[in-house]
Amino acid sequence: MSKITDNTTLKRLRNHYRLVIMNDDTFEEVIKFRLSRISVYIVVSTVFLLLVGLTAALLVLTPLKFYIPGYGKKENKTELQLLKMRTDSLQQVLEYKEQYLDGLKKVLGSDKTVPRDTATLKVPKAEVSND
């Protein structure tokens, strides 16, 4: 059994192959390429790096970057925090007002859960003096 050495691996990378695209009806060669494994690797790597570079440039240099979660200007973050604090305080004020209105309803008797005192009171008539 033969050992694979670095020399044979390099030779395999440099071996040339022919890629031929033929017309199926006429068997005419439409296009042909002379390739090696290393040239295919270089072309695929170059295309990959170009696509990654173009995508990164598209995201960094255009307004698309604002659609990335967590990305934005410092002013936007502080404005968002201010709006959040205002919303929280408004919600707290609304809860306090609801509690106040519930208390008023109980005092005024419009709340059905509080039993009403329906006993009649007998108030004596005050004597009127004619002087």
C-alpha atoms as a PDB file:
ATOM      1  CA  MET A   1       0.000   0.000   0.000  1.00  0.00           C
ATOM      2  CA  SER A   2       1.422   3.379  -0.965  1.00  0.00           C
ATOM      3  CA  LYS A   3       1.709   6.284   1.387  1.00  0.00           C
ATOM      4  CA  ILE A   4       0.211   9.648   0.530  1.00  0.00           C
ATOM      5  CA  THR A   5       2.905  12.247   0.784  1.00  0.00           C
ATOM      6  CA  ASP A   6       2.895  16.013   0.423  1.00  0.00           C
ATOM      7  CA  ASN A   7       4.428  15.679  -3.002  1.00  0.00           C
ATOM      8  CA  THR A   8       1.530  13.593  -4.368  1.00  0.00           C
ATOM      9  CA  THR A   9      -1.046  15.879  -2.760  1.00  0.00           C
ATOM     10  CA  LEU A  10       0.467  18.906  -4.484  1.00  0.00           C
ATOM     11  CA  LYS A  11       0.578  17.014  -7.756  1.00  0.00           C
ATOM     12  CA  ARG A  12      -3.118  16.171  -7.436  1.00  0.00           C
ATOM     13  CA  LEU A  13      -3.925  19.829  -6.809  1.00  0.00           C
ATOM     14  CA  ARG A  14      -2.010  20.809  -9.935  1.00  0.00           C
ATOM     15  CA  ASN A  15      -3.322  18.094 -12.256  1.00  0.00           C
ATOM     16  CA  HIS A  16      -5.240  19.593 -15.138  1.00  0.00           C
ATOM     17  CA  TYR A  17      -8.745  18.549 -16.079  1.00  0.00           C
ATOM     18  CA  ARG A  18     -10.940  19.489 -19.000  1.00  0.00           C
ATOM     19  CA  LEU A  19     -14.553  20.585 -18.519  1.00  0.00           C
ATOM     20  CA  VAL A  20     -16.479  20.457 -21.780  1.00  0.00           C
ATOM     21  CA  ILE A  21     -20.071  21.564 -22.306  1.00  0.00           C
ATOM     22  CA  MET A  22     -21.566  19.977 -25.411  1.00  0.00           C
ATOM     23  CA  ASN A  23     -24.759  20.351 -27.382  1.00  0.00           C
ATOM     24  CA  ASP A  24     -26.694  17.132 -26.829  1.00  0.00           C
ATOM     25  CA  ASP A  25     -28.223  17.038 -30.331  1.00  0.00           C
ATOM     26  CA  THR A  26     -25.150  17.762 -32.459  1.00  0.00           C
ATOM     27  CA  PHE A  27     -22.382  16.794 -30.039  1.00  0.00           C
ATOM     28  CA  GLU A  28     -20.782  20.118 -30.805  1.00  0.00           C
ATOM     29  CA  GLU A  29     -18.557  21.595 -28.127  1.00  0.00           C
ATOM     30  CA  VAL A  30     -20.201  24.762 -26.880  1.00  0.00           C
ATOM     31  CA  ILE A  31     -17.538  25.751 -24.379  1.00  0.00           C
ATOM     32  CA  LYS A  32     -14.541  24.100 -22.765  1.00  0.00           C
ATOM     33  CA  PHE A  33     -12.427  24.886 -19.745  1.00  0.00           C
ATOM     34  CA  ARG A  34      -9.018  23.659 -18.682  1.00  0.00           C
ATOM     35  CA  LEU A  35      -9.109  23.462 -14.883  1.00  0.00           C
ATOM     36  CA  SER A  36      -7.070  22.252 -11.965  1.00  0.00           C
ATOM     37  CA  ARG A  37      -8.257  21.654  -8.439  1.00  0.00           C
ATOM     38  CA  ILE A  38      -6.303  24.622  -7.118  1.00  0.00           C
ATOM     39  CA  SER A  39      -7.747  26.984  -9.753  1.00  0.00           C
ATOM     40  CA  VAL A  40     -11.294  25.895  -8.879  1.00  0.00           C
ATOM     41  CA  TYR A  41     -10.521  26.446  -5.202  1.00  0.00           C
ATOM     42  CA  ILE A  42      -9.156  29.931  -5.923  1.00  0.00           C
ATOM     43  CA  VAL A  43     -12.177  30.924  -8.042  1.00  0.00           C
ATOM     44  CA  VAL A  44     -14.704  29.660  -5.466  1.00  0.00           C
ATOM     45  CA  SER A  45     -12.821  31.389  -2.623  1.00  0.00           C
ATOM     46  CA  THR A  46     -12.647  34.658  -4.572  1.00  0.00           C
ATOM     47  CA  VAL A  47     -16.365  34.602  -5.377  1.00  0.00           C
ATOM     48  CA  PHE A  48     -17.190  33.853  -1.734  1.00  0.00           C
ATOM     49  CA  LEU A  49     -15.020  36.726  -0.461  1.00  0.00           C
ATOM     50  CA  LEU A  50     -16.525  39.128  -3.014  1.00  0.00           C
ATOM     51  CA  LEU A  51     -20.067  38.202  -1.971  1.00  0.00           C
ATOM     52  CA  VAL A  52     -19.240  38.622   1.712  1.00  0.00           C
ATOM     53  CA  GLY A  53     -17.524  41.951   1.024  1.00  0.00           C
ATOM     54  CA  LEU A  54     -20.409  43.274  -1.077  1.00  0.00           C
ATOM     55  CA  THR A  55     -22.950  42.213   1.538  1.00  0.00           C
ATOM     56  CA  ALA A  56     -20.977  43.885   4.319  1.00  0.00           C
ATOM     57  CA  ALA A  57     -20.576  47.064   2.236  1.00  0.00           C
ATOM     58  CA  LEU A  58     -24.291  47.071   1.464  1.00  0.00           C
ATOM     59  CA  LEU A  59     -25.163  46.847   5.147  1.00  0.00           C
ATOM     60  CA  VAL A  60     -22.572  49.346   6.371  1.00  0.00           C
ATOM     61  CA  LEU A  61     -22.866  52.021   3.691  1.00  0.00           C
ATOM     62  CA  THR A  62     -26.647  52.113   3.183  1.00  0.00           C
ATOM     63  CA  PRO A  63     -29.632  52.772   5.480  1.00  0.00           C
ATOM     64  CA  LEU A  64     -30.193  49.021   5.678  1.00  0.00           C
ATOM     65  CA  LYS A  65     -27.980  49.022   8.775  1.00  0.00           C
ATOM     66  CA  PHE A  66     -30.848  50.438  10.833  1.00  0.00           C
ATOM     67  CA  TYR A  67     -32.760  47.173  10.349  1.00  0.00           C
ATOM     68  CA  ILE A  68     -30.039  45.240  12.196  1.00  0.00           C
ATOM     69  CA  PRO A  69     -31.186  44.586  15.789  1.00  0.00           C
ATOM     70  CA  GLY A  70     -29.214  46.584  18.334  1.00  0.00           C
ATOM     71  CA  TYR A  71     -27.793  48.995  15.779  1.00  0.00           C
ATOM     72  CA  GLY A  72     -28.692  52.647  15.934  1.00  0.00           C
ATOM     73  CA  LYS A  73     -27.603  56.089  16.961  1.00  0.00           C
ATOM     74  CA  LYS A  74     -27.013  57.115  20.567  1.00  0.00           C
ATOM     75  CA  GLU A  75     -29.661  59.834  20.259  1.00  0.00           C
ATOM     76  CA  ASN A  76     -32.241  57.239  19.276  1.00  0.00           C
ATOM     77  CA  LYS A  77     -31.426  55.135  22.328  1.00  0.00           C
ATOM     78  CA  THR A  78     -31.753  58.057  24.738  1.00  0.00           C
ATOM     79  CA  GLU A  79     -34.996  59.145  23.089  1.00  0.00           C
ATOM     80  CA  LEU A  80     -36.321  55.605  23.409  1.00  0.00           C
ATOM     81  CA  GLN A  81     -35.427  55.551  27.125  1.00  0.00           C
ATOM     82  CA  LEU A  82     -37.197  58.884  27.655  1.00  0.00           C
ATOM     83  CA  LEU A  83     -40.307  57.630  25.888  1.00  0.00           C
ATOM     84  CA  LYS A  84     -40.265  54.451  27.958  1.00  0.00           C
ATOM     85  CA  MET A  85     -40.032  56.434  31.221  1.00  0.00           C
ATOM     86  CA  ARG A  86     -42.906  58.691  30.118  1.00  0.00           C
ATOM     87  CA  THR A  87     -45.034  55.700  29.222  1.00  0.00           C
ATOM     88  CA  ASP A  88     -44.358  54.067  32.580  1.00  0.00           C
ATOM     89  CA  SER A  89     -45.240  57.257  34.474  1.00  0.00           C
ATOM     90  CA  LEU A  90     -48.433  57.733  32.446  1.00  0.00           C
ATOM     91  CA  GLN A  91     -49.438  54.154  33.156  1.00  0.00           C
ATOM     92  CA  GLN A  92     -48.829  54.684  36.882  1.00  0.00           C
ATOM     93  CA  VAL A  93     -50.915  57.896  36.869  1.00  0.00           C
ATOM     94  CA  LEU A  94     -53.710  56.049  35.067  1.00  0.00           C
ATOM     95  CA  GLU A  95     -53.694  53.295  37.703  1.00  0.00           C
ATOM     96  CA  TYR A  96     -53.841  55.907  40.506  1.00  0.00           C
ATOM     97  CA  LYS A  97     -56.813  57.621  38.846  1.00  0.00           C
ATOM     98  CA  GLU A  98     -58.618  54.292  38.433  1.00  0.00           C
ATOM     99  CA  GLN A  99     -58.086  53.560  42.133  1.00  0.00           C
ATOM    100  CA  TYR A 100     -59.401  57.032  43.010  1.00  0.00           C
ATOM    101  CA  LEU A 101     -62.500  56.570  40.840  1.00  0.00           C
ATOM    102  CA  ASP A 102     -63.159  53.137  42.370  1.00  0.00           C
ATOM    103  CA  GLY A 103     -62.960  54.702  45.831  1.00  0.00           C
ATOM    104  CA  LEU A 104     -65.381  57.451  44.819  1.00  0.00           C
ATOM    105  CA  LYS A 105     -67.826  54.896  43.442  1.00  0.00           C
ATOM    106  CA  LYS A 106     -67.752  53.011  46.729  1.00  0.00           C
ATOM    107  CA  VAL A 107     -68.329  56.189  48.730  1.00  0.00           C
ATOM    108  CA  LEU A 108     -71.166  57.390  46.502  1.00  0.00           C
ATOM    109  CA  GLY A 109     -72.818  54.003  46.531  1.00  0.00           C
ATOM    110  CA  SER A 110     -72.863  53.325  42.841  1.00  0.00           C
ATOM    111  CA  ASP A 111     -70.876  50.161  43.449  1.00  0.00           C
ATOM    112  CA  LYS A 112     -73.206  47.137  43.665  1.00  0.00           C
ATOM    113  CA  THR A 113     -70.851  45.137  45.866  1.00  0.00           C
ATOM    114  CA  VAL A 114     -71.291  47.428  48.877  1.00  0.00           C
ATOM    115  CA  PRO A 115     -74.621  46.778  50.687  1.00  0.00           C
ATOM    116  CA  ARG A 116     -76.793  49.838  51.163  1.00  0.00           C
ATOM    117  CA  ASP A 117     -78.489  50.776  54.417  1.00  0.00           C
ATOM    118  CA  THR A 118     -82.173  50.957  53.561  1.00  0.00           C
ATOM    119  CA  ALA A 119     -83.543  51.412  57.100  1.00  0.00           C
ATOM    120  CA  THR A 120     -85.900  54.371  57.431  1.00  0.00           C
ATOM    121  CA  LEU A 121     -85.075  57.026  59.925  1.00  0.00           C
ATOM    122  CA  LYS A 122     -87.741  58.589  62.123  1.00  0.00           C
ATOM    123  CA  VAL A 123     -86.756  62.192  62.651  1.00  0.00           C
ATOM    124  CA  PRO A 124     -88.809  64.055  65.245  1.00  0.00           C
ATOM    125  CA  LYS A 125     -90.301  67.337  64.110  1.00  0.00           C
ATOM    126  CA  ALA A 126     -88.830  70.389  65.679  1.00  0.00           C
ATOM    127  CA  GLU A 127     -91.243  72.591  67.653  1.00  0.00           C
ATOM    128  CA  VAL A 128     -91.710  76.009  66.204  1.00  0.00           C
ATOM    129  CA  SER A 129     -92.191  78.811  68.741  1.00  0.00           C
ATOM    130  CA  ASN A 130     -94.246  81.824  67.789  1.00  0.00           C
ATOM    131  CA  ASP A 131     -93.138  84.855  69.741  1.00  0.00           C
END
